[in-house]
Amino acid sequence: MNKKGFTLIELLAVIVILAIIALISMPIIIGIIDDARRGAAEDSAYGVSQAGDYYYVQALYKNGGSFSGYECTYGTDTTTLPACGGENGLTLKGTKPTAGTVRIEANGTVVTTDLIINGFKVNKDTSGKYVAEKQK
C-alpha cells in the first residue's frame, strides 16, 4: 500500500524554515517602513516651508507690497492652533506638524524650527535640506 502525504517531521521542518525567514526579514521590513515614514516627515516639512512661501506672496499681494512677518507655533495646546491655520494662517496640505514653530521673516525667508511630524523631529541642515530624526 502506497500512501501519499507529508509526515509530521516534514511539516515541522517547513514551519521552522518559514519562521527563520520571517525572523530574518522582519527587521528589514521594519527598516523600510521607518525610512518611508522619515521621508514622509521630511517631505511634509518641505510642504510647510512651501506653504510659508505661498503665505508670504499672498500677504504681499493683500497688503500692497508690505509684510512685517508671521509666526505660528504648533503644539498640543489647542489655543495655539488657530494662529497656524484657518482664514489668516498657513494653508497646509498633507500631514500637519504636531509641534514646532514656523516663522516668516519680513524679507520672505521661511524658518522652521523643531517641527514634529509622524514622530520625527525635522529641521534643516547646513545645506538647506530637511532632515528628520526619530523622537526619543
N, C-alpha and C. Protein backbone atom coordinates (compact mmCIF):
# COMPACT_ATOMS: atom_id res chain seq x y z
N MET A 1 0.85 -1.17 0.00
CA MET A 1 0.00 0.00 0.00
C MET A 1 0.90 1.24 0.00
N ASN A 2 0.61 2.15 -0.91
CA ASN A 2 1.44 3.35 -1.09
C ASN A 2 0.61 4.58 -0.72
N LYS A 3 0.84 5.16 0.46
CA LYS A 3 0.11 6.35 0.90
C LYS A 3 0.91 7.58 0.54
N LYS A 4 0.22 8.61 0.04
CA LYS A 4 0.88 9.86 -0.30
C LYS A 4 0.53 10.90 0.74
N GLY A 5 1.50 11.75 1.08
CA GLY A 5 1.28 12.80 2.06
C GLY A 5 2.59 13.17 2.73
N PHE A 6 2.48 14.10 3.64
CA PHE A 6 3.67 14.59 4.34
C PHE A 6 3.67 14.03 5.76
N THR A 7 4.84 13.77 6.23
CA THR A 7 4.95 13.32 7.62
C THR A 7 4.98 14.55 8.53
N LEU A 8 4.79 14.32 9.79
CA LEU A 8 4.80 15.40 10.77
C LEU A 8 6.17 16.08 10.80
N ILE A 9 7.22 15.32 10.67
CA ILE A 9 8.58 15.87 10.68
C ILE A 9 8.78 16.81 9.47
N GLU A 10 8.29 16.42 8.32
CA GLU A 10 8.43 17.26 7.12
C GLU A 10 7.66 18.57 7.30
N LEU A 11 6.48 18.49 7.84
CA LEU A 11 5.69 19.71 8.08
C LEU A 11 6.38 20.62 9.10
N LEU A 12 6.91 20.06 10.15
CA LEU A 12 7.63 20.85 11.15
C LEU A 12 8.87 21.50 10.55
N ALA A 13 9.56 20.80 9.69
CA ALA A 13 10.74 21.37 9.04
C ALA A 13 10.37 22.58 8.18
N VAL A 14 9.26 22.49 7.47
CA VAL A 14 8.80 23.61 6.64
C VAL A 14 8.42 24.80 7.53
N ILE A 15 7.75 24.52 8.63
CA ILE A 15 7.35 25.60 9.55
C ILE A 15 8.58 26.27 10.16
N VAL A 16 9.58 25.51 10.52
CA VAL A 16 10.81 26.07 11.08
C VAL A 16 11.52 26.93 10.05
N ILE A 17 11.58 26.48 8.83
CA ILE A 17 12.22 27.27 7.76
C ILE A 17 11.46 28.58 7.53
N LEU A 18 10.14 28.52 7.51
CA LEU A 18 9.34 29.76 7.33
C LEU A 18 9.54 30.72 8.51
N ALA A 19 9.65 30.18 9.72
CA ALA A 19 9.88 31.04 10.89
C ALA A 19 11.24 31.71 10.81
N ILE A 20 12.25 31.00 10.35
CA ILE A 20 13.58 31.59 10.21
C ILE A 20 13.56 32.71 9.16
N ILE A 21 12.89 32.47 8.05
CA ILE A 21 12.77 33.51 7.01
C ILE A 21 12.06 34.74 7.56
N ALA A 22 11.00 34.51 8.34
CA ALA A 22 10.27 35.64 8.93
C ALA A 22 11.15 36.42 9.90
N LEU A 23 11.93 35.73 10.72
CA LEU A 23 12.82 36.40 11.68
C LEU A 23 13.90 37.22 10.98
N ILE A 24 14.38 36.74 9.86
CA ILE A 24 15.40 37.46 9.12
C ILE A 24 14.81 38.67 8.41
N SER A 25 13.62 38.53 7.85
CA SER A 25 13.05 39.59 7.02
C SER A 25 12.36 40.70 7.82
N MET A 26 11.89 40.43 9.02
CA MET A 26 11.15 41.45 9.79
C MET A 26 11.96 42.72 10.05
N PRO A 27 13.21 42.65 10.50
CA PRO A 27 13.97 43.90 10.71
C PRO A 27 14.14 44.70 9.41
N ILE A 28 14.30 43.99 8.30
CA ILE A 28 14.45 44.66 7.01
C ILE A 28 13.16 45.40 6.66
N ILE A 29 12.02 44.74 6.84
CA ILE A 29 10.73 45.35 6.53
C ILE A 29 10.46 46.53 7.45
N ILE A 30 10.77 46.37 8.73
CA ILE A 30 10.57 47.47 9.69
C ILE A 30 11.46 48.65 9.32
N GLY A 31 12.69 48.39 8.88
CA GLY A 31 13.58 49.47 8.44
C GLY A 31 13.05 50.21 7.22
N ILE A 32 12.47 49.47 6.29
CA ILE A 32 11.90 50.10 5.09
C ILE A 32 10.72 50.99 5.47
N ILE A 33 9.88 50.50 6.38
CA ILE A 33 8.73 51.29 6.83
C ILE A 33 9.20 52.55 7.55
N ASP A 34 10.21 52.41 8.40
CA ASP A 34 10.75 53.56 9.14
C ASP A 34 11.35 54.59 8.18
N ASP A 35 12.08 54.12 7.16
CA ASP A 35 12.64 55.04 6.16
C ASP A 35 11.54 55.78 5.40
N ALA A 36 10.46 55.08 5.10
CA ALA A 36 9.33 55.71 4.40
C ALA A 36 8.68 56.78 5.27
N ARG A 37 8.52 56.49 6.56
CA ARG A 37 7.93 57.48 7.48
C ARG A 37 8.85 58.68 7.63
N ARG A 38 10.17 58.43 7.68
CA ARG A 38 11.14 59.52 7.78
C ARG A 38 11.07 60.41 6.53
N GLY A 39 11.03 59.79 5.37
CA GLY A 39 10.93 60.55 4.12
C GLY A 39 9.64 61.35 4.04
N ALA A 40 8.54 60.76 4.52
CA ALA A 40 7.27 61.47 4.53
C ALA A 40 7.32 62.68 5.46
N ALA A 41 7.98 62.54 6.61
CA ALA A 41 8.12 63.67 7.54
C ALA A 41 8.95 64.79 6.90
N GLU A 42 10.04 64.42 6.23
CA GLU A 42 10.88 65.42 5.57
C GLU A 42 10.11 66.12 4.45
N ASP A 43 9.34 65.36 3.68
CA ASP A 43 8.54 65.96 2.62
C ASP A 43 7.44 66.88 3.18
N SER A 44 6.85 66.48 4.30
CA SER A 44 5.83 67.32 4.94
C SER A 44 6.43 68.63 5.43
N ALA A 45 7.66 68.57 5.98
CA ALA A 45 8.34 69.79 6.43
C ALA A 45 8.60 70.71 5.24
N TYR A 46 8.99 70.13 4.12
CA TYR A 46 9.19 70.92 2.91
C TYR A 46 7.87 71.56 2.49
N GLY A 47 6.77 70.83 2.63
CA GLY A 47 5.45 71.36 2.32
C GLY A 47 5.08 72.53 3.22
N VAL A 48 5.46 72.45 4.49
CA VAL A 48 5.23 73.57 5.42
C VAL A 48 6.00 74.79 4.96
N SER A 49 7.24 74.59 4.53
CA SER A 49 8.06 75.70 4.03
C SER A 49 7.44 76.31 2.78
N GLN A 50 6.96 75.47 1.88
CA GLN A 50 6.31 75.97 0.66
C GLN A 50 5.03 76.74 1.00
N ALA A 51 4.28 76.27 2.00
CA ALA A 51 3.09 76.99 2.45
C ALA A 51 3.47 78.36 2.99
N GLY A 52 4.63 78.44 3.66
CA GLY A 52 5.12 79.73 4.15
C GLY A 52 5.46 80.67 2.99
N ASP A 53 6.08 80.13 1.95
CA ASP A 53 6.37 80.95 0.76
C ASP A 53 5.08 81.47 0.14
N TYR A 54 4.09 80.60 0.04
CA TYR A 54 2.79 80.99 -0.54
C TYR A 54 2.12 82.05 0.34
N TYR A 55 2.19 81.86 1.65
CA TYR A 55 1.60 82.83 2.57
C TYR A 55 2.24 84.20 2.39
N TYR A 56 3.56 84.22 2.25
CA TYR A 56 4.29 85.47 2.07
C TYR A 56 3.84 86.20 0.79
N VAL A 57 3.74 85.47 -0.30
CA VAL A 57 3.32 86.09 -1.57
C VAL A 57 1.88 86.61 -1.46
N GLN A 58 1.01 85.83 -0.83
CA GLN A 58 -0.37 86.26 -0.63
C GLN A 58 -0.44 87.53 0.21
N ALA A 59 0.35 87.56 1.28
CA ALA A 59 0.34 88.73 2.17
C ALA A 59 0.86 89.97 1.45
N LEU A 60 1.89 89.81 0.63
CA LEU A 60 2.38 90.96 -0.16
C LEU A 60 1.29 91.48 -1.08
N TYR A 61 0.59 90.58 -1.71
CA TYR A 61 -0.48 90.96 -2.64
C TYR A 61 -1.61 91.68 -1.91
N LYS A 62 -2.03 91.13 -0.77
CA LYS A 62 -3.14 91.70 0.00
C LYS A 62 -2.78 93.05 0.62
N ASN A 63 -1.50 93.22 1.01
CA ASN A 63 -1.08 94.42 1.73
C ASN A 63 -0.34 95.42 0.86
N GLY A 64 -0.49 95.32 -0.42
CA GLY A 64 0.13 96.29 -1.31
C GLY A 64 1.65 96.28 -1.28
N GLY A 65 2.26 95.12 -1.09
CA GLY A 65 3.71 95.01 -1.15
C GLY A 65 4.42 95.11 0.19
N SER A 66 3.69 95.22 1.29
CA SER A 66 4.36 95.28 2.59
C SER A 66 4.04 94.03 3.40
N PHE A 67 5.03 93.60 4.18
CA PHE A 67 4.87 92.41 5.01
C PHE A 67 5.77 92.58 6.22
N SER A 68 5.22 92.41 7.41
CA SER A 68 6.01 92.63 8.62
C SER A 68 6.47 91.34 9.27
N GLY A 69 5.97 90.20 8.82
CA GLY A 69 6.38 88.93 9.39
C GLY A 69 5.20 88.15 9.93
N TYR A 70 5.45 86.90 10.20
CA TYR A 70 4.41 86.00 10.67
C TYR A 70 5.07 84.88 11.46
N GLU A 71 4.42 84.43 12.51
CA GLU A 71 4.94 83.30 13.28
C GLU A 71 3.78 82.50 13.85
N CYS A 72 3.92 81.19 13.79
CA CYS A 72 2.94 80.34 14.45
C CYS A 72 3.67 79.19 15.12
N THR A 73 3.09 78.72 16.21
CA THR A 73 3.67 77.62 16.96
C THR A 73 2.65 76.50 17.04
N TYR A 74 3.04 75.35 16.56
CA TYR A 74 2.20 74.17 16.67
C TYR A 74 2.51 73.49 18.00
N GLY A 75 1.49 72.94 18.61
CA GLY A 75 1.71 72.25 19.87
C GLY A 75 0.46 71.55 20.33
N THR A 76 0.57 70.94 21.47
CA THR A 76 -0.58 70.22 22.00
C THR A 76 -1.62 71.17 22.59
N ASP A 77 -1.22 72.39 22.88
CA ASP A 77 -2.13 73.40 23.40
C ASP A 77 -3.00 73.89 22.25
N THR A 78 -4.29 73.59 22.30
CA THR A 78 -5.18 73.92 21.19
C THR A 78 -5.35 75.43 21.00
N THR A 79 -4.97 76.23 21.98
CA THR A 79 -5.11 77.67 21.80
C THR A 79 -4.10 78.22 20.80
N THR A 80 -3.01 77.48 20.53
CA THR A 80 -2.02 77.97 19.57
C THR A 80 -2.37 77.57 18.14
N LEU A 81 -3.23 76.58 17.97
CA LEU A 81 -3.50 76.07 16.63
C LEU A 81 -4.20 77.06 15.70
N PRO A 82 -5.18 77.86 16.16
CA PRO A 82 -5.83 78.77 15.21
C PRO A 82 -4.86 79.76 14.56
N ALA A 83 -3.77 80.11 15.22
CA ALA A 83 -2.82 81.06 14.63
C ALA A 83 -2.08 80.44 13.46
N CYS A 84 -2.03 79.11 13.38
CA CYS A 84 -1.29 78.44 12.32
C CYS A 84 -2.15 78.03 11.15
N GLY A 85 -3.41 78.11 11.26
CA GLY A 85 -4.29 77.69 10.17
C GLY A 85 -5.50 78.59 10.09
N GLY A 86 -6.46 78.18 9.33
CA GLY A 86 -7.68 78.95 9.21
C GLY A 86 -7.55 80.09 8.22
N GLU A 87 -8.41 81.06 8.34
CA GLU A 87 -8.51 82.15 7.36
C GLU A 87 -7.24 82.98 7.26
N ASN A 88 -6.59 83.27 8.38
CA ASN A 88 -5.41 84.12 8.36
C ASN A 88 -4.11 83.36 8.60
N GLY A 89 -4.13 82.06 8.44
CA GLY A 89 -2.94 81.28 8.73
C GLY A 89 -2.42 80.53 7.53
N LEU A 90 -1.46 79.65 7.80
CA LEU A 90 -0.86 78.83 6.75
C LEU A 90 -1.87 77.80 6.25
N THR A 91 -1.88 77.58 4.95
CA THR A 91 -2.72 76.56 4.36
C THR A 91 -1.83 75.35 4.07
N LEU A 92 -2.00 74.31 4.84
CA LEU A 92 -1.18 73.11 4.70
C LEU A 92 -2.00 71.97 4.14
N LYS A 93 -1.38 71.23 3.22
CA LYS A 93 -1.98 70.00 2.71
C LYS A 93 -1.10 68.86 3.19
N GLY A 94 -1.71 67.74 3.50
CA GLY A 94 -0.93 66.61 3.98
C GLY A 94 -0.82 66.62 5.49
N THR A 95 0.20 65.95 5.98
CA THR A 95 0.39 65.80 7.42
C THR A 95 0.85 67.11 8.03
N LYS A 96 0.12 67.55 9.05
CA LYS A 96 0.46 68.79 9.73
C LYS A 96 1.37 68.49 10.93
N PRO A 97 2.25 69.42 11.26
CA PRO A 97 3.11 69.22 12.44
C PRO A 97 2.28 69.17 13.71
N THR A 98 2.72 68.39 14.67
CA THR A 98 2.07 68.37 15.97
C THR A 98 2.77 69.30 16.95
N ALA A 99 3.98 69.75 16.60
CA ALA A 99 4.72 70.71 17.42
C ALA A 99 5.75 71.38 16.52
N GLY A 100 6.27 72.49 17.00
CA GLY A 100 7.29 73.22 16.25
C GLY A 100 6.84 74.63 15.91
N THR A 101 7.75 75.38 15.33
CA THR A 101 7.49 76.79 15.01
C THR A 101 7.78 77.07 13.55
N VAL A 102 6.92 77.88 12.95
CA VAL A 102 7.13 78.37 11.59
C VAL A 102 7.15 79.89 11.67
N ARG A 103 8.23 80.47 11.18
CA ARG A 103 8.35 81.93 11.19
C ARG A 103 8.65 82.40 9.77
N ILE A 104 7.93 83.43 9.33
CA ILE A 104 8.20 84.04 8.03
C ILE A 104 8.69 85.45 8.31
N GLU A 105 9.93 85.69 7.95
CA GLU A 105 10.53 86.99 8.21
C GLU A 105 10.04 88.02 7.20
N ALA A 106 10.27 89.28 7.48
CA ALA A 106 9.77 90.37 6.63
C ALA A 106 10.31 90.29 5.20
N ASN A 107 11.47 89.66 5.01
CA ASN A 107 12.03 89.54 3.66
C ASN A 107 11.54 88.28 2.94
N GLY A 108 10.66 87.49 3.58
CA GLY A 108 10.10 86.30 2.96
C GLY A 108 10.80 85.01 3.30
N THR A 109 11.86 85.07 4.08
CA THR A 109 12.56 83.85 4.48
C THR A 109 11.69 83.05 5.44
N VAL A 110 11.50 81.77 5.12
CA VAL A 110 10.71 80.88 5.98
C VAL A 110 11.67 80.09 6.87
N VAL A 111 11.47 80.20 8.18
CA VAL A 111 12.32 79.49 9.14
C VAL A 111 11.43 78.53 9.92
N THR A 112 11.75 77.23 9.82
CA THR A 112 11.02 76.23 10.59
C THR A 112 11.95 75.71 11.68
N THR A 113 11.38 75.52 12.86
CA THR A 113 12.19 75.08 14.00
C THR A 113 11.52 73.90 14.69
N ASP A 114 12.24 72.80 14.79
CA ASP A 114 11.82 71.63 15.57
C ASP A 114 10.40 71.17 15.26
N LEU A 115 10.10 71.03 13.96
CA LEU A 115 8.79 70.50 13.59
C LEU A 115 8.71 69.02 13.96
N ILE A 116 7.64 68.63 14.61
CA ILE A 116 7.41 67.23 14.95
C ILE A 116 6.34 66.71 14.00
N ILE A 117 6.74 65.76 13.14
CA ILE A 117 5.83 65.20 12.15
C ILE A 117 6.01 63.69 12.15
N ASN A 118 4.92 62.96 12.33
CA ASN A 118 4.95 61.48 12.33
C ASN A 118 5.95 60.91 13.34
N GLY A 119 6.16 61.57 14.45
CA GLY A 119 7.09 61.07 15.46
C GLY A 119 8.55 61.38 15.17
N PHE A 120 8.80 62.25 14.20
CA PHE A 120 10.16 62.66 13.87
C PHE A 120 10.32 64.16 14.10
N LYS A 121 11.49 64.56 14.60
CA LYS A 121 11.82 65.98 14.72
C LYS A 121 12.54 66.36 13.43
N VAL A 122 12.01 67.37 12.73
CA VAL A 122 12.54 67.74 11.42
C VAL A 122 13.09 69.16 11.48
N ASN A 123 14.34 69.31 11.05
CA ASN A 123 15.00 70.61 10.94
C ASN A 123 15.80 70.64 9.65
N LYS A 124 16.20 71.84 9.25
CA LYS A 124 17.08 71.96 8.08
C LYS A 124 18.52 71.76 8.51
N ASP A 125 19.30 71.11 7.63
CA ASP A 125 20.73 71.01 7.90
C ASP A 125 21.44 72.21 7.27
N THR A 126 22.75 72.22 7.31
CA THR A 126 23.51 73.38 6.83
C THR A 126 23.37 73.59 5.32
N SER A 127 23.01 72.54 4.59
CA SER A 127 22.84 72.68 3.14
C SER A 127 21.41 73.09 2.77
N GLY A 128 20.53 73.21 3.76
CA GLY A 128 19.15 73.61 3.49
C GLY A 128 18.20 72.46 3.26
N LYS A 129 18.67 71.23 3.42
CA LYS A 129 17.84 70.04 3.24
C LYS A 129 17.17 69.68 4.56
N TYR A 130 15.91 69.26 4.49
CA TYR A 130 15.23 68.84 5.70
C TYR A 130 15.70 67.45 6.11
N VAL A 131 16.00 67.31 7.41
CA VAL A 131 16.48 66.05 7.95
C VAL A 131 15.62 65.69 9.16
N ALA A 132 15.12 64.47 9.16
CA ALA A 132 14.26 64.00 10.25
C ALA A 132 15.03 63.06 11.17
N GLU A 133 14.84 63.27 12.47
CA GLU A 133 15.44 62.39 13.47
C GLU A 133 14.30 61.80 14.30
N LYS A 134 14.39 60.51 14.56
CA LYS A 134 13.36 59.83 15.35
C LYS A 134 13.28 60.45 16.73
N GLN A 135 12.05 60.73 17.18
CA GLN A 135 11.84 61.26 18.54
C GLN A 135 12.12 60.18 19.56
N LYS A 136 12.69 60.55 20.66
CA LYS A 136 13.02 59.59 21.71
C LYS A 136 11.98 59.60 22.78
